[in-house]
Protein backbone atom coordinates (compact mmCIF):
# COMPACT_ATOMS: atom_id res chain seq x y z
CA UNK A 1 -32.57 -0.07 -7.66
CA UNK A 2 -33.12 -1.05 -4.04
CA UNK A 3 -30.26 -1.83 -1.67
CA UNK A 4 -31.12 -5.52 -1.34
CA UNK A 5 -31.18 -5.83 -5.12
CA UNK A 6 -27.75 -4.30 -5.43
CA UNK A 7 -26.34 -6.52 -2.71
CA UNK A 8 -27.60 -9.57 -4.59
CA UNK A 9 -25.79 -8.24 -7.65
CA UNK A 10 -22.62 -7.87 -5.60
CA UNK A 11 -22.94 -11.47 -4.38
CA UNK A 12 -23.39 -12.74 -7.93
CA UNK A 13 -20.47 -10.65 -9.16
CA UNK A 14 -18.17 -12.02 -6.46
CA UNK A 15 -19.15 -15.62 -7.22
CA UNK A 16 -18.32 -15.04 -10.89
CA UNK A 17 -15.05 -13.24 -10.19
CA UNK A 18 -14.01 -15.96 -7.71
CA UNK A 19 -14.61 -18.65 -10.31
CA UNK A 20 -12.56 -16.74 -12.88
CA UNK A 21 -9.74 -16.17 -10.39
CA UNK A 22 -9.54 -19.86 -9.56
CA UNK A 23 -9.30 -20.68 -13.23
CA UNK A 24 -6.55 -18.09 -13.73
CA UNK A 25 -5.66 -15.54 -11.09
CA UNK A 26 -5.83 -11.85 -11.82
CA UNK A 27 -2.23 -10.62 -11.87
CA UNK A 28 -2.68 -6.90 -11.24
CA UNK A 29 -5.08 -4.53 -9.55
CA UNK A 30 -5.92 -2.64 -12.75
CA UNK A 31 -6.83 -5.90 -14.49
CA UNK A 32 -9.03 -6.96 -11.58
CA UNK A 33 -10.80 -3.59 -11.34
CA UNK A 34 -11.49 -3.55 -15.07
CA UNK A 35 -13.02 -7.03 -14.90
CA UNK A 36 -15.10 -6.12 -11.84
CA UNK A 37 -16.39 -3.09 -13.74
CA UNK A 38 -17.32 -5.27 -16.73
CA UNK A 39 -19.13 -7.84 -14.57
CA UNK A 40 -21.14 -5.13 -12.77
CA UNK A 41 -22.03 -3.56 -16.11
CA UNK A 42 -23.36 -6.90 -17.38
CA UNK A 43 -25.31 -7.60 -14.19
CA UNK A 44 -26.97 -4.17 -14.19
CA UNK A 45 -27.78 -4.15 -17.92
CA UNK A 46 -31.52 -4.44 -17.25
CA UNK A 47 -31.53 -1.17 -15.31
CA UNK A 48 -31.72 1.59 -17.97
CA UNK A 49 -31.00 4.34 -15.45
CA UNK A 50 -27.56 2.88 -14.65
CA UNK A 51 -24.52 3.57 -16.80
CA UNK A 52 -21.10 2.50 -15.55
CA UNK A 53 -18.21 4.81 -16.44
CA UNK A 54 -15.20 2.98 -17.88
CA UNK A 55 -13.05 6.14 -17.89
CA UNK A 56 -13.46 7.61 -14.41
CA UNK A 57 -11.14 10.12 -12.78
CA UNK A 58 -8.06 8.10 -11.69
CA UNK A 59 -8.43 9.28 -8.06
CA UNK A 60 -12.22 9.01 -7.93
CA UNK A 61 -13.75 7.48 -4.82
CA UNK A 62 -15.28 5.00 -4.91
CA UNK A 63 -13.77 3.29 -7.95
CA UNK A 64 -17.09 2.32 -9.57
CA UNK A 65 -20.34 4.27 -9.41
CA UNK A 66 -23.49 2.20 -9.96
CA UNK A 67 -26.32 4.69 -9.73
CA UNK A 68 -26.47 5.89 -6.14
CA UNK A 69 -24.36 2.91 -5.02
CA UNK A 70 -20.58 2.80 -5.21
CA UNK A 71 -17.94 0.07 -5.14
CA UNK A 72 -14.38 0.52 -3.93
CA UNK A 73 -12.20 -2.22 -5.44
CA UNK A 74 -9.24 -3.66 -3.54
CA UNK A 75 -6.84 -6.32 -4.73
CA UNK A 76 -3.88 -8.26 -3.36
CA UNK A 77 -1.66 -11.09 -4.50
CA UNK A 78 -1.15 -12.04 -0.85
CA UNK A 79 -3.30 -14.38 1.26
CA UNK A 80 -4.98 -11.64 3.28
CA UNK A 81 -8.27 -9.77 3.39
CA UNK A 82 -6.64 -6.58 4.63
CA UNK A 83 -5.41 -3.62 2.55
CA UNK A 84 -4.62 0.09 2.65
CA UNK A 85 -7.56 2.03 1.22
CA UNK A 86 -8.46 5.61 0.33
CA UNK A 87 -7.57 8.88 2.01
CA UNK A 88 -9.78 9.98 4.88
CA UNK A 89 -10.19 13.28 3.01
CA UNK A 90 -12.22 11.63 0.19
CA UNK A 91 -11.35 14.67 -1.91
CA UNK A 92 -12.57 13.14 -5.17
CA UNK A 93 -15.69 11.45 -3.87
CA UNK A 94 -18.37 10.87 -6.48
CA UNK A 95 -21.21 12.96 -5.10
CA UNK A 96 -24.01 10.87 -6.62
CA UNK A 97 -22.93 7.86 -4.54
CA UNK A 98 -24.85 7.53 -1.29
CA UNK A 99 -23.88 4.02 -0.18
CA UNK A 100 -20.40 2.52 -0.65
CA UNK A 101 -19.45 -1.15 -0.78
CA UNK A 102 -16.14 -2.98 -1.04
CA UNK A 103 -15.19 -5.69 -3.53
CA UNK A 104 -11.94 -7.38 -2.53
CA UNK A 105 -9.98 -9.74 -4.75
CA UNK A 106 -7.61 -12.00 -2.77
CA UNK A 107 -5.31 -13.93 -5.10
CA UNK A 108 -3.03 -15.50 -2.48
CA UNK A 109 -3.86 -18.89 -0.97
CA UNK A 110 -7.20 -19.98 -2.45
CA UNK A 111 -8.17 -17.16 -4.83
CA UNK A 112 -11.47 -15.62 -3.81
CA UNK A 113 -13.48 -12.44 -4.20
CA UNK A 114 -15.78 -11.10 -1.49
CA UNK A 115 -17.84 -7.99 -0.87
CA UNK A 116 -18.67 -6.06 2.26
CA UNK A 117 -20.25 -2.85 3.45
CA UNK A 118 -17.43 -0.30 3.11
CA UNK A 119 -18.09 1.47 6.41
CA UNK A 120 -18.08 -1.85 8.30
CA UNK A 121 -14.84 -2.95 6.63
CA UNK A 122 -12.77 0.10 7.65
CA UNK A 123 -10.75 -1.07 10.66
CA UNK A 124 -7.82 1.29 11.07
CA UNK A 125 -6.26 4.54 9.93
CA UNK A 126 -2.60 4.91 9.06
CA UNK A 127 -0.55 7.67 7.48
CA UNK A 128 1.65 8.16 4.47
CA UNK A 129 1.34 11.67 3.04
CA UNK A 130 -2.21 11.92 4.36
CA UNK A 131 -4.10 9.66 6.75
CA UNK A 132 -5.52 6.64 4.92
CA UNK A 133 -8.01 3.99 5.93
CA UNK A 134 -7.23 0.31 6.13
CA UNK A 135 -9.98 -2.15 5.24
CA UNK A 136 -10.58 -5.80 6.02
CA UNK A 137 -13.34 -8.09 4.82
CA UNK A 138 -15.63 -9.39 7.59
CA UNK A 139 -13.93 -7.35 10.30
CA UNK A 140 -15.08 -7.83 13.90
CA UNK A 141 -15.31 -4.09 14.56
CA UNK A 142 -15.21 -1.06 12.31
CA UNK A 143 -13.01 1.95 12.93
CA UNK A 144 -16.09 4.15 13.16
CA UNK A 145 -17.56 2.02 15.95
CA UNK A 146 -14.26 2.41 17.82
CA UNK A 147 -14.23 6.17 17.23
CA UNK A 148 -17.90 6.52 18.16
CA UNK A 149 -19.13 8.17 14.97
CA UNK A 150 -21.08 6.98 11.94
CA UNK A 151 -19.11 6.80 8.69
CA UNK A 152 -21.61 9.05 6.90
CA UNK A 153 -21.19 11.66 9.63
CA UNK A 154 -17.40 11.30 9.67
CA UNK A 155 -16.97 11.66 5.91
CA UNK A 156 -18.77 15.01 5.73
CA UNK A 157 -17.00 16.45 8.79
CA UNK A 158 -14.36 19.19 8.40
CA UNK A 159 -10.83 17.79 8.33
CA UNK A 160 -9.98 19.37 11.69
CA UNK A 161 -12.84 17.41 13.27
CA UNK A 162 -11.82 14.21 11.49
CA UNK A 163 -8.31 14.60 12.89
CA UNK A 164 -9.65 14.99 16.42
CA UNK A 165 -11.34 11.60 16.10
CA UNK A 166 -8.17 10.10 14.61
CA UNK A 167 -6.00 11.51 17.41
CA UNK A 168 -8.26 10.07 20.09
CA UNK A 169 -8.29 6.70 18.33
CA UNK A 170 -4.51 6.73 17.91
CA UNK A 171 -3.92 7.56 21.57
CA UNK A 172 -6.14 4.66 22.60
CA UNK A 173 -3.84 2.25 20.70
CA UNK A 174 -0.49 3.45 22.00
CA UNK A 175 1.75 0.85 23.60
CA UNK A 176 4.50 1.39 26.14
CA UNK A 177 7.22 3.65 24.75
CA UNK A 178 5.15 4.93 21.82
CA UNK A 179 4.25 8.57 21.34
CA UNK A 180 1.91 10.63 19.19
CA UNK A 181 4.49 13.06 17.88
CA UNK A 182 2.94 14.03 14.56
CA UNK A 183 -0.73 14.52 15.40
CA UNK A 184 -0.64 18.17 16.33
CA UNK A 185 -3.88 20.12 16.73
CA UNK A 186 -3.39 22.13 13.57
CA UNK A 187 -5.69 22.89 10.68
CA UNK A 188 -3.18 21.52 8.17
CA UNK A 189 -4.09 17.83 8.22
CA UNK A 190 -1.47 16.56 5.77
CA UNK A 191 1.28 14.64 7.56
CA UNK A 192 4.33 12.68 6.63
CA UNK A 193 4.84 11.05 10.01
CA UNK A 194 3.30 7.92 11.55
CA UNK A 195 0.99 7.35 14.47
CA UNK A 196 3.45 5.15 16.38
CA UNK A 197 7.23 5.53 16.21
CA UNK A 198 10.00 2.98 16.84
CA UNK A 199 13.77 3.24 16.65
CA UNK A 200 15.46 1.33 13.84
CA UNK A 201 18.29 0.31 16.15
CA UNK A 202 15.87 -1.53 18.45
CA UNK A 203 14.36 -3.75 15.74
CA UNK A 204 15.20 -7.41 15.30
CA UNK A 205 17.72 -8.34 12.60
CA UNK A 206 14.92 -10.03 10.65
CA UNK A 207 12.74 -6.92 10.65
CA UNK A 208 15.67 -4.65 9.77
CA UNK A 209 16.45 -6.84 6.76
CA UNK A 210 12.81 -6.90 5.64
CA UNK A 211 12.49 -3.11 5.88
CA UNK A 212 15.83 -2.49 4.11
CA UNK A 213 14.67 -4.71 1.24
CA UNK A 214 11.41 -2.77 0.88
CA UNK A 215 13.11 0.62 1.15
CA UNK A 216 15.85 -0.02 -1.41
CA UNK A 217 13.36 -1.53 -3.85
CA UNK A 218 11.18 1.57 -3.74
CA UNK A 219 14.11 4.00 -3.59
CA UNK A 220 16.73 3.05 -6.24
CA UNK A 221 18.52 6.34 -5.63
CA UNK A 222 20.48 4.67 -2.83
CA UNK A 223 22.71 3.12 -5.54
CA UNK A 224 24.11 6.54 -6.42
CA UNK A 225 27.63 7.58 -5.58
CA UNK A 226 28.44 8.16 -1.93
CA UNK A 227 29.20 11.76 -2.89
CA UNK A 228 25.52 12.40 -3.69
CA UNK A 229 23.90 14.27 -0.82
CA UNK A 230 20.64 13.06 0.68
CA UNK A 231 20.56 9.88 -1.38
CA UNK A 232 19.05 7.98 1.55
CA UNK A 233 16.30 10.51 2.29
CA UNK A 234 13.53 8.68 0.43
CA UNK A 235 14.43 5.36 2.04
CA UNK A 236 14.50 6.89 5.53
CA UNK A 237 11.18 8.67 4.95
CA UNK A 238 9.62 5.47 3.66
CA UNK A 239 10.51 3.70 6.91
CA UNK A 240 9.13 6.65 8.83
CA UNK A 241 5.88 7.23 6.97
CA UNK A 242 4.89 3.64 6.24
CA UNK A 243 6.34 1.76 9.20
CA UNK A 244 6.79 4.38 11.90
CA UNK A 245 10.50 3.56 12.14
CA UNK A 246 13.07 6.27 12.87
CA UNK A 247 16.58 5.71 11.56
CA UNK A 248 18.99 8.22 13.08
CA UNK A 249 21.94 7.23 10.90
CA UNK A 250 20.91 6.67 7.29
CA UNK A 251 24.15 4.89 6.46
CA UNK A 252 23.15 2.18 8.96
CA UNK A 253 20.70 0.98 6.32
CA UNK A 254 23.17 0.11 3.56
CA UNK A 255 26.65 1.61 3.85
CA UNK A 256 27.79 0.74 7.35
CA UNK A 257 30.35 -2.03 7.78
CA UNK A 258 27.95 -3.91 10.05
CA UNK A 259 25.56 -4.20 7.10
CA UNK A 260 27.99 -4.72 4.21
CA UNK A 261 30.49 -6.86 6.17
CA UNK A 262 28.51 -8.83 8.77
CA UNK A 263 31.33 -11.39 9.01
CA UNK A 264 33.98 -8.69 9.60
CA UNK A 265 35.92 -9.75 6.50
CA UNK A 266 38.31 -7.47 4.65
CA UNK A 267 37.46 -8.32 1.06
CA UNK A 268 36.96 -4.67 0.16
CA UNK A 269 34.57 -3.76 -2.63
CA UNK A 270 31.71 -1.29 -2.76
CA UNK A 271 29.78 -1.38 0.50
CA UNK A 272 26.39 -0.71 -1.04
CA UNK A 273 26.94 -3.50 -3.57
CA UNK A 274 27.89 -5.96 -0.85
CA UNK A 275 24.97 -4.91 1.34
CA UNK A 276 22.47 -5.42 -1.48
CA UNK A 277 23.81 -8.85 -2.45
CA UNK A 278 23.09 -9.98 1.10
CA UNK A 279 19.39 -9.10 0.84
CA UNK A 280 18.63 -10.25 -2.71
CA UNK A 281 16.18 -12.92 -1.53
CA UNK A 282 14.35 -10.47 0.70
CA UNK A 283 14.11 -7.97 -2.16
CA UNK A 284 12.63 -10.60 -4.46
CA UNK A 285 10.08 -11.51 -1.78
CA UNK A 286 9.24 -7.82 -1.27
CA UNK A 287 8.83 -7.29 -5.02
CA UNK A 288 6.26 -10.08 -5.18
CA UNK A 289 4.42 -9.00 -2.02
CA UNK A 290 4.24 -5.21 -1.94
CA UNK A 291 1.21 -3.20 -3.12
CA UNK A 292 1.42 -1.75 -6.60
CA UNK A 293 0.29 1.61 -5.21
CA UNK A 294 3.69 1.96 -3.50
CA UNK A 295 5.54 1.61 -6.80
CA UNK A 296 3.23 4.13 -8.43
CA UNK A 297 4.00 6.54 -5.59
CA UNK A 298 7.78 6.02 -5.46
CA UNK A 299 8.60 5.08 -9.06
CA UNK A 300 5.89 7.05 -10.76
CA UNK A 301 4.69 3.96 -12.59
CA UNK A 302 2.92 0.67 -12.07
CA UNK A 303 4.94 -2.55 -12.22
CA UNK A 304 3.93 -6.20 -12.46
CA UNK A 305 5.31 -8.09 -9.42
CA UNK A 306 7.49 -10.44 -11.48
CA UNK A 307 8.92 -7.52 -13.49
CA UNK A 308 9.83 -5.31 -10.52
CA UNK A 309 13.38 -6.61 -10.00
CA UNK A 310 14.15 -6.16 -13.69
CA UNK A 311 12.73 -2.62 -13.65
CA UNK A 312 14.62 -1.85 -10.45
CA UNK A 313 17.91 -2.98 -12.05
CA UNK A 314 17.23 -0.69 -15.00
CA UNK A 315 16.69 2.21 -12.62
CA UNK A 316 19.77 1.61 -10.46
CA UNK A 317 21.96 1.01 -13.54
CA UNK A 318 20.95 4.45 -14.77
CA UNK A 319 21.76 6.04 -11.41
CA UNK A 320 24.95 4.25 -10.31
CA UNK A 321 28.26 5.79 -11.37
CA UNK A 322 31.03 3.70 -9.81
CA UNK A 323 29.54 0.30 -10.62
CA UNK A 324 26.89 -1.43 -12.74
CA UNK A 325 24.39 -3.14 -10.41
CA UNK A 326 22.98 -5.52 -13.05
CA UNK A 327 26.47 -6.99 -13.57
CA UNK A 328 26.62 -8.29 -10.02
CA UNK A 329 23.11 -8.38 -8.52
CA UNK A 330 20.32 -10.93 -9.07
CA UNK A 331 22.37 -12.87 -11.61
CA UNK A 332 20.56 -16.15 -10.92
CA UNK A 333 17.20 -14.37 -11.03
CA UNK A 334 17.82 -12.59 -14.35
CA UNK A 335 19.70 -15.47 -15.96
CA UNK A 336 22.90 -13.51 -16.57
């Protein structure tokens, strides 16, 4: 199959998937990827040399191999064409794939599905446990143009060389007061620290609340007894690795009086319980917005957006000792 033929297939597939999404949106990334795989199988049925694997390795890159072409599938319930993508290591790349494309399902706003050249859609690199690309449909400039290297040359480079390009790119984006304090020139390229760092204490109240909601949702261990050591570690590391935010005092997130008693009242009670009641709305919004990949990473399982609060309550109920979170939190949401 020639490249122009495959690109016509991608266009047809996206038109079909867009029509289906507008009839009834896809509710989860796995559902969308499965349907994209089915549509590509049907559209390539006349090519006997092509067989699409419906049971690939879970970490395979790209998600779908179509002969010597590949398709990475991205999905979001938000109204955005931007998403975190694969690791820059591409450890599990399918070797038969020579050219990679992106199919992106956007369910927020007007549901739509588009495709793009993968290399052109990569716009940024960020870090969690390893550096990961960010992609955006119809981006003005690709990351590889900014770094001055072709994607096909970058992907086959040794990791030490990849990190040199990433360091130079990261330095070019630094703003006043930001530092590159994790990108050491070492062979070990796995990092748990971000490109830019900010202090939690300097953030606006709105951003602090948003980040607390995300962190507690992903890290239910914060509901444990105050006697449990390091119960805030995961939450603090989440802020650090995904948002580049340093929190010197972990208790500032949930247990401090300024968080649990913003009105300086003396009603007593469990501080963590009071702090969480104050951010229930932000937690619900975060549950509906956040990528499923985060829940897989932190919870060890996928979770439908509308089921995440319920699952979270089950987790914190199992962990809490001095109180039962589901008896006091999200009562209007759960109907208790």
